[in-house]
């Protein structure tokens, strides 16, 4: 491991990926989280970092539950994401998720 393998918060890149994917796996059916909310929950990075993780590693988790801050699903997979969200009963407003009603607040704290 060299200095480029650890970020400013001390997490190795693989740990960051695992942290993001673990949170996505916890988003309940019918709920969503934004890229920015997930970054805040992880405690580092930003929406683009979460987006990078989802683009490269997100196929095995419920990726359609991660949306943009404006309530729209990921670009390029909008139709599939909206279909899945409809099937799960997520509250929608047209082609956007109603974030007021659907936003997941994160895992329970103990």
N, C-alpha and C. Protein backbone atom coordinates (compact mmCIF):
# COMPACT_ATOMS: atom_id res chain seq x y z
N UNK A 1 0.85 -1.19 0.00
CA UNK A 1 0.00 0.00 0.00
C UNK A 1 0.89 1.23 0.00
N UNK A 2 0.57 2.21 -0.85
CA UNK A 2 1.31 3.46 -0.85
C UNK A 2 0.40 4.59 -0.41
N UNK A 3 0.90 5.78 -0.33
CA UNK A 3 0.13 6.91 0.17
C UNK A 3 -1.09 7.23 -0.67
N UNK A 4 -1.10 6.81 -1.94
CA UNK A 4 -2.24 7.08 -2.81
C UNK A 4 -3.41 6.16 -2.52
N UNK A 5 -3.19 5.11 -1.74
CA UNK A 5 -4.24 4.13 -1.48
C UNK A 5 -5.12 4.48 -0.29
N UNK A 6 -4.79 5.55 0.42
CA UNK A 6 -5.56 5.95 1.59
C UNK A 6 -6.00 7.39 1.39
N UNK A 7 -7.27 7.67 1.66
CA UNK A 7 -7.75 9.04 1.49
C UNK A 7 -7.54 9.83 2.78
N UNK A 8 -7.98 11.09 2.77
CA UNK A 8 -7.74 11.97 3.90
C UNK A 8 -8.38 11.48 5.19
N UNK A 9 -9.46 10.73 5.12
CA UNK A 9 -10.12 10.24 6.32
C UNK A 9 -9.57 8.90 6.77
N UNK A 10 -8.59 8.37 6.06
CA UNK A 10 -7.95 7.13 6.48
C UNK A 10 -8.58 5.87 5.93
N UNK A 11 -9.66 5.97 5.18
CA UNK A 11 -10.27 4.78 4.60
C UNK A 11 -9.57 4.44 3.29
N UNK A 12 -9.29 3.17 3.11
CA UNK A 12 -8.74 2.72 1.84
C UNK A 12 -9.87 2.72 0.81
N UNK A 13 -9.55 2.83 -0.48
CA UNK A 13 -10.59 2.87 -1.51
C UNK A 13 -11.59 1.71 -1.41
N UNK A 14 -11.11 0.51 -1.16
CA UNK A 14 -12.02 -0.64 -1.04
C UNK A 14 -12.98 -0.50 0.12
N UNK A 15 -12.52 0.11 1.21
CA UNK A 15 -13.38 0.33 2.36
C UNK A 15 -14.48 1.34 2.04
N UNK A 16 -14.14 2.36 1.26
CA UNK A 16 -15.13 3.35 0.84
C UNK A 16 -16.20 2.69 -0.03
N UNK A 17 -15.77 1.88 -0.98
CA UNK A 17 -16.72 1.16 -1.84
C UNK A 17 -17.63 0.30 -0.99
N UNK A 18 -17.07 -0.44 -0.07
CA UNK A 18 -17.88 -1.32 0.80
C UNK A 18 -18.84 -0.52 1.65
N UNK A 19 -18.41 0.63 2.16
CA UNK A 19 -19.29 1.46 2.98
C UNK A 19 -20.49 1.95 2.18
N UNK A 20 -20.24 2.41 0.96
CA UNK A 20 -21.33 2.88 0.09
C UNK A 20 -22.28 1.74 -0.23
N UNK A 21 -21.75 0.62 -0.69
CA UNK A 21 -22.61 -0.50 -1.10
C UNK A 21 -23.39 -1.06 0.08
N UNK A 22 -22.79 -1.09 1.25
CA UNK A 22 -23.49 -1.56 2.45
C UNK A 22 -24.70 -0.69 2.76
N UNK A 23 -24.54 0.62 2.64
CA UNK A 23 -25.67 1.52 2.86
C UNK A 23 -26.76 1.31 1.82
N UNK A 24 -26.39 1.19 0.56
CA UNK A 24 -27.38 1.00 -0.50
C UNK A 24 -28.18 -0.27 -0.24
N UNK A 25 -27.52 -1.32 0.21
CA UNK A 25 -28.23 -2.58 0.50
C UNK A 25 -29.26 -2.41 1.61
N UNK A 26 -29.08 -1.41 2.46
CA UNK A 26 -29.99 -1.20 3.59
C UNK A 26 -31.19 -0.31 3.26
N UNK A 27 -31.19 0.33 2.10
CA UNK A 27 -32.32 1.20 1.74
C UNK A 27 -33.56 0.33 1.59
N UNK A 28 -34.61 0.60 2.37
CA UNK A 28 -35.81 -0.24 2.31
C UNK A 28 -36.53 -0.16 0.97
N UNK A 29 -37.26 -1.21 0.66
CA UNK A 29 -38.11 -1.24 -0.53
C UNK A 29 -39.06 -0.05 -0.47
N UNK A 30 -39.19 0.67 -1.59
CA UNK A 30 -40.08 1.82 -1.66
C UNK A 30 -39.46 3.12 -1.17
N UNK A 31 -38.23 3.06 -0.71
CA UNK A 31 -37.51 4.25 -0.26
C UNK A 31 -36.33 4.50 -1.17
N UNK A 32 -35.75 5.70 -1.06
CA UNK A 32 -34.59 6.07 -1.86
C UNK A 32 -33.61 6.87 -1.01
N UNK A 33 -32.43 7.04 -1.54
CA UNK A 33 -31.45 7.96 -0.98
C UNK A 33 -30.78 8.67 -2.14
N UNK A 34 -30.29 9.86 -1.89
CA UNK A 34 -29.58 10.58 -2.93
C UNK A 34 -28.09 10.28 -2.82
N UNK A 35 -27.38 10.56 -3.89
CA UNK A 35 -25.93 10.38 -3.89
C UNK A 35 -25.30 11.19 -2.76
N UNK A 36 -25.77 12.43 -2.58
CA UNK A 36 -25.22 13.29 -1.54
C UNK A 36 -25.53 12.79 -0.14
N UNK A 37 -26.75 12.30 0.07
CA UNK A 37 -27.10 11.76 1.39
C UNK A 37 -26.21 10.58 1.74
N UNK A 38 -25.97 9.70 0.77
CA UNK A 38 -25.11 8.55 1.03
C UNK A 38 -23.69 9.00 1.37
N UNK A 39 -23.18 10.00 0.67
CA UNK A 39 -21.84 10.51 0.97
C UNK A 39 -21.79 11.04 2.41
N UNK A 40 -22.84 11.74 2.83
CA UNK A 40 -22.89 12.24 4.20
C UNK A 40 -22.91 11.10 5.21
N UNK A 41 -23.66 10.05 4.91
CA UNK A 41 -23.74 8.90 5.81
C UNK A 41 -22.40 8.19 5.93
N UNK A 42 -21.69 8.08 4.81
CA UNK A 42 -20.37 7.45 4.83
C UNK A 42 -19.39 8.33 5.59
N UNK A 43 -19.58 9.63 5.51
CA UNK A 43 -18.74 10.56 6.24
C UNK A 43 -17.55 11.07 5.46
N UNK A 44 -17.56 10.86 4.17
CA UNK A 44 -16.49 11.37 3.32
C UNK A 44 -16.92 11.35 1.87
N UNK A 45 -16.13 12.00 1.06
CA UNK A 45 -16.45 12.05 -0.36
C UNK A 45 -17.66 12.93 -0.60
N UNK A 46 -18.16 12.83 -1.79
CA UNK A 46 -19.33 13.62 -2.16
C UNK A 46 -20.20 12.84 -3.10
N UNK A 47 -21.21 13.48 -3.66
CA UNK A 47 -22.13 12.79 -4.57
C UNK A 47 -21.43 12.14 -5.74
N UNK A 48 -20.42 12.78 -6.28
CA UNK A 48 -19.72 12.21 -7.45
C UNK A 48 -18.95 10.95 -7.07
N UNK A 49 -18.39 10.94 -5.88
CA UNK A 49 -17.69 9.74 -5.42
C UNK A 49 -18.63 8.57 -5.26
N UNK A 50 -19.81 8.83 -4.71
CA UNK A 50 -20.83 7.78 -4.59
C UNK A 50 -21.27 7.34 -5.98
N UNK A 51 -21.44 8.29 -6.89
CA UNK A 51 -21.81 7.96 -8.25
C UNK A 51 -20.79 7.08 -8.93
N UNK A 52 -19.52 7.35 -8.68
CA UNK A 52 -18.45 6.54 -9.25
C UNK A 52 -18.52 5.11 -8.72
N UNK A 53 -18.75 4.98 -7.40
CA UNK A 53 -18.89 3.65 -6.81
C UNK A 53 -20.07 2.92 -7.44
N UNK A 54 -21.20 3.59 -7.56
CA UNK A 54 -22.39 2.95 -8.10
C UNK A 54 -22.19 2.56 -9.56
N UNK A 55 -21.52 3.40 -10.33
CA UNK A 55 -21.30 3.11 -11.75
C UNK A 55 -20.39 1.90 -11.95
N UNK A 56 -19.43 1.72 -11.06
CA UNK A 56 -18.46 0.65 -11.26
C UNK A 56 -18.73 -0.60 -10.44
N UNK A 57 -19.47 -0.46 -9.33
CA UNK A 57 -19.68 -1.61 -8.43
C UNK A 57 -21.14 -1.82 -8.03
N UNK A 58 -22.06 -1.01 -8.52
CA UNK A 58 -23.42 -1.01 -8.00
C UNK A 58 -24.40 -2.00 -8.58
N UNK A 59 -23.99 -2.80 -9.53
CA UNK A 59 -24.94 -3.70 -10.20
C UNK A 59 -25.54 -4.75 -9.28
N UNK A 60 -24.84 -5.12 -8.23
CA UNK A 60 -25.30 -6.20 -7.34
C UNK A 60 -26.17 -5.69 -6.18
N UNK A 61 -26.37 -4.40 -6.09
CA UNK A 61 -27.19 -3.81 -5.03
C UNK A 61 -28.38 -3.10 -5.68
N UNK A 62 -29.39 -2.70 -4.90
CA UNK A 62 -30.56 -2.03 -5.49
C UNK A 62 -30.24 -0.59 -5.94
N UNK A 63 -29.50 -0.50 -7.03
CA UNK A 63 -29.01 0.77 -7.56
C UNK A 63 -30.11 1.77 -7.87
N UNK A 64 -31.30 1.27 -8.22
CA UNK A 64 -32.41 2.16 -8.60
C UNK A 64 -32.91 2.97 -7.41
N UNK A 65 -32.54 2.60 -6.20
CA UNK A 65 -32.94 3.35 -5.01
C UNK A 65 -32.01 4.51 -4.72
N UNK A 66 -30.98 4.70 -5.52
CA UNK A 66 -30.07 5.83 -5.38
C UNK A 66 -30.38 6.80 -6.52
N UNK A 67 -30.79 8.01 -6.14
CA UNK A 67 -31.26 8.97 -7.14
C UNK A 67 -30.54 10.30 -6.99
N UNK A 68 -30.77 11.16 -7.94
CA UNK A 68 -30.19 12.50 -7.91
C UNK A 68 -30.97 13.37 -6.92
N UNK A 69 -30.37 14.47 -6.53
CA UNK A 69 -30.98 15.38 -5.55
C UNK A 69 -32.29 15.98 -6.04
N UNK A 70 -32.51 15.99 -7.35
CA UNK A 70 -33.77 16.54 -7.88
C UNK A 70 -34.87 15.49 -7.96
N UNK A 71 -34.60 14.28 -7.45
CA UNK A 71 -35.60 13.22 -7.45
C UNK A 71 -35.62 12.35 -8.69
N UNK A 72 -34.71 12.61 -9.61
CA UNK A 72 -34.67 11.83 -10.84
C UNK A 72 -33.68 10.68 -10.71
N UNK A 73 -33.97 9.58 -11.39
CA UNK A 73 -33.06 8.43 -11.33
C UNK A 73 -31.82 8.65 -12.19
N UNK A 74 -30.91 7.71 -12.08
CA UNK A 74 -29.64 7.77 -12.80
C UNK A 74 -29.86 7.92 -14.30
N UNK A 75 -29.06 8.79 -14.90
CA UNK A 75 -29.14 9.04 -16.34
C UNK A 75 -28.75 7.78 -17.10
N UNK A 76 -29.54 7.47 -18.11
CA UNK A 76 -29.28 6.31 -18.94
C UNK A 76 -30.07 5.08 -18.54
N UNK A 77 -30.51 5.04 -17.29
CA UNK A 77 -31.30 3.90 -16.81
C UNK A 77 -32.62 4.37 -16.20
N UNK A 78 -33.06 5.54 -16.64
CA UNK A 78 -34.27 6.14 -16.05
C UNK A 78 -35.49 5.23 -16.15
N UNK A 79 -35.73 4.66 -17.32
CA UNK A 79 -36.94 3.85 -17.51
C UNK A 79 -36.94 2.63 -16.61
N UNK A 80 -35.82 1.91 -16.55
CA UNK A 80 -35.75 0.73 -15.70
C UNK A 80 -35.86 1.11 -14.23
N UNK A 81 -35.18 2.18 -13.83
CA UNK A 81 -35.24 2.62 -12.43
C UNK A 81 -36.66 3.01 -12.05
N UNK A 82 -37.33 3.78 -12.89
CA UNK A 82 -38.69 4.21 -12.57
C UNK A 82 -39.64 3.02 -12.52
N UNK A 83 -39.48 2.07 -13.40
CA UNK A 83 -40.32 0.87 -13.38
C UNK A 83 -40.14 0.12 -12.06
N UNK A 84 -38.90 -0.06 -11.66
CA UNK A 84 -38.62 -0.77 -10.40
C UNK A 84 -39.18 0.00 -9.20
N UNK A 85 -39.01 1.32 -9.22
CA UNK A 85 -39.53 2.13 -8.11
C UNK A 85 -41.05 2.08 -8.06
N UNK A 86 -41.70 2.11 -9.22
CA UNK A 86 -43.17 1.97 -9.25
C UNK A 86 -43.60 0.64 -8.66
N UNK A 87 -42.90 -0.44 -9.08
CA UNK A 87 -43.23 -1.78 -8.58
C UNK A 87 -43.05 -1.89 -7.07
N UNK A 88 -42.10 -1.14 -6.53
CA UNK A 88 -41.85 -1.16 -5.08
C UNK A 88 -42.79 -0.25 -4.31
N UNK A 89 -43.55 0.57 -5.02
CA UNK A 89 -44.49 1.46 -4.35
C UNK A 89 -43.87 2.76 -3.86
N UNK A 90 -42.74 3.15 -4.42
CA UNK A 90 -42.13 4.43 -4.04
C UNK A 90 -43.06 5.56 -4.47
N UNK A 91 -43.23 6.56 -3.61
CA UNK A 91 -44.08 7.70 -3.98
C UNK A 91 -43.43 8.53 -5.08
N UNK A 92 -44.16 8.74 -6.16
CA UNK A 92 -43.63 9.46 -7.31
C UNK A 92 -44.43 10.72 -7.58
N UNK A 93 -43.78 11.64 -8.26
CA UNK A 93 -44.41 12.85 -8.78
C UNK A 93 -43.98 12.95 -10.23
N UNK A 94 -44.80 12.43 -11.13
CA UNK A 94 -44.41 12.38 -12.54
C UNK A 94 -43.24 11.43 -12.71
N UNK A 95 -42.16 11.94 -13.28
CA UNK A 95 -40.96 11.12 -13.50
C UNK A 95 -39.89 11.37 -12.45
N UNK A 96 -40.33 11.80 -11.28
CA UNK A 96 -39.42 12.03 -10.15
C UNK A 96 -39.96 11.32 -8.92
N UNK A 97 -39.05 11.00 -8.04
CA UNK A 97 -39.44 10.44 -6.75
C UNK A 97 -39.78 11.59 -5.83
N UNK A 98 -40.84 11.44 -5.05
CA UNK A 98 -41.22 12.43 -4.06
C UNK A 98 -40.29 12.25 -2.85
N UNK A 99 -39.21 13.03 -2.83
CA UNK A 99 -38.20 12.88 -1.79
C UNK A 99 -38.73 13.17 -0.40
N UNK A 100 -39.71 14.04 -0.30
CA UNK A 100 -40.28 14.34 1.02
C UNK A 100 -40.84 13.08 1.67
N UNK A 101 -41.42 12.22 0.87
CA UNK A 101 -42.05 11.01 1.39
C UNK A 101 -41.17 9.76 1.29
N UNK A 102 -40.24 9.73 0.33
CA UNK A 102 -39.50 8.50 0.06
C UNK A 102 -38.08 8.48 0.60
N UNK A 103 -37.55 9.61 1.04
CA UNK A 103 -36.14 9.67 1.43
C UNK A 103 -35.87 8.83 2.67
N UNK A 104 -34.89 7.95 2.55
CA UNK A 104 -34.43 7.11 3.66
C UNK A 104 -33.48 7.93 4.52
N UNK A 105 -33.68 7.91 5.82
CA UNK A 105 -32.86 8.73 6.70
C UNK A 105 -31.59 8.04 7.17
N UNK A 106 -31.38 6.81 6.74
CA UNK A 106 -30.16 6.10 7.12
C UNK A 106 -30.42 4.98 8.08
N UNK A 107 -29.38 4.20 8.34
CA UNK A 107 -29.54 3.06 9.24
C UNK A 107 -29.81 3.54 10.66
N UNK A 108 -30.48 2.69 11.45
CA UNK A 108 -30.74 3.08 12.84
C UNK A 108 -29.42 3.23 13.61
N UNK A 109 -29.41 4.18 14.50
CA UNK A 109 -28.23 4.35 15.36
C UNK A 109 -28.51 3.71 16.70
N UNK A 110 -27.49 3.14 17.27
CA UNK A 110 -27.67 2.43 18.54
C UNK A 110 -27.07 3.19 19.68
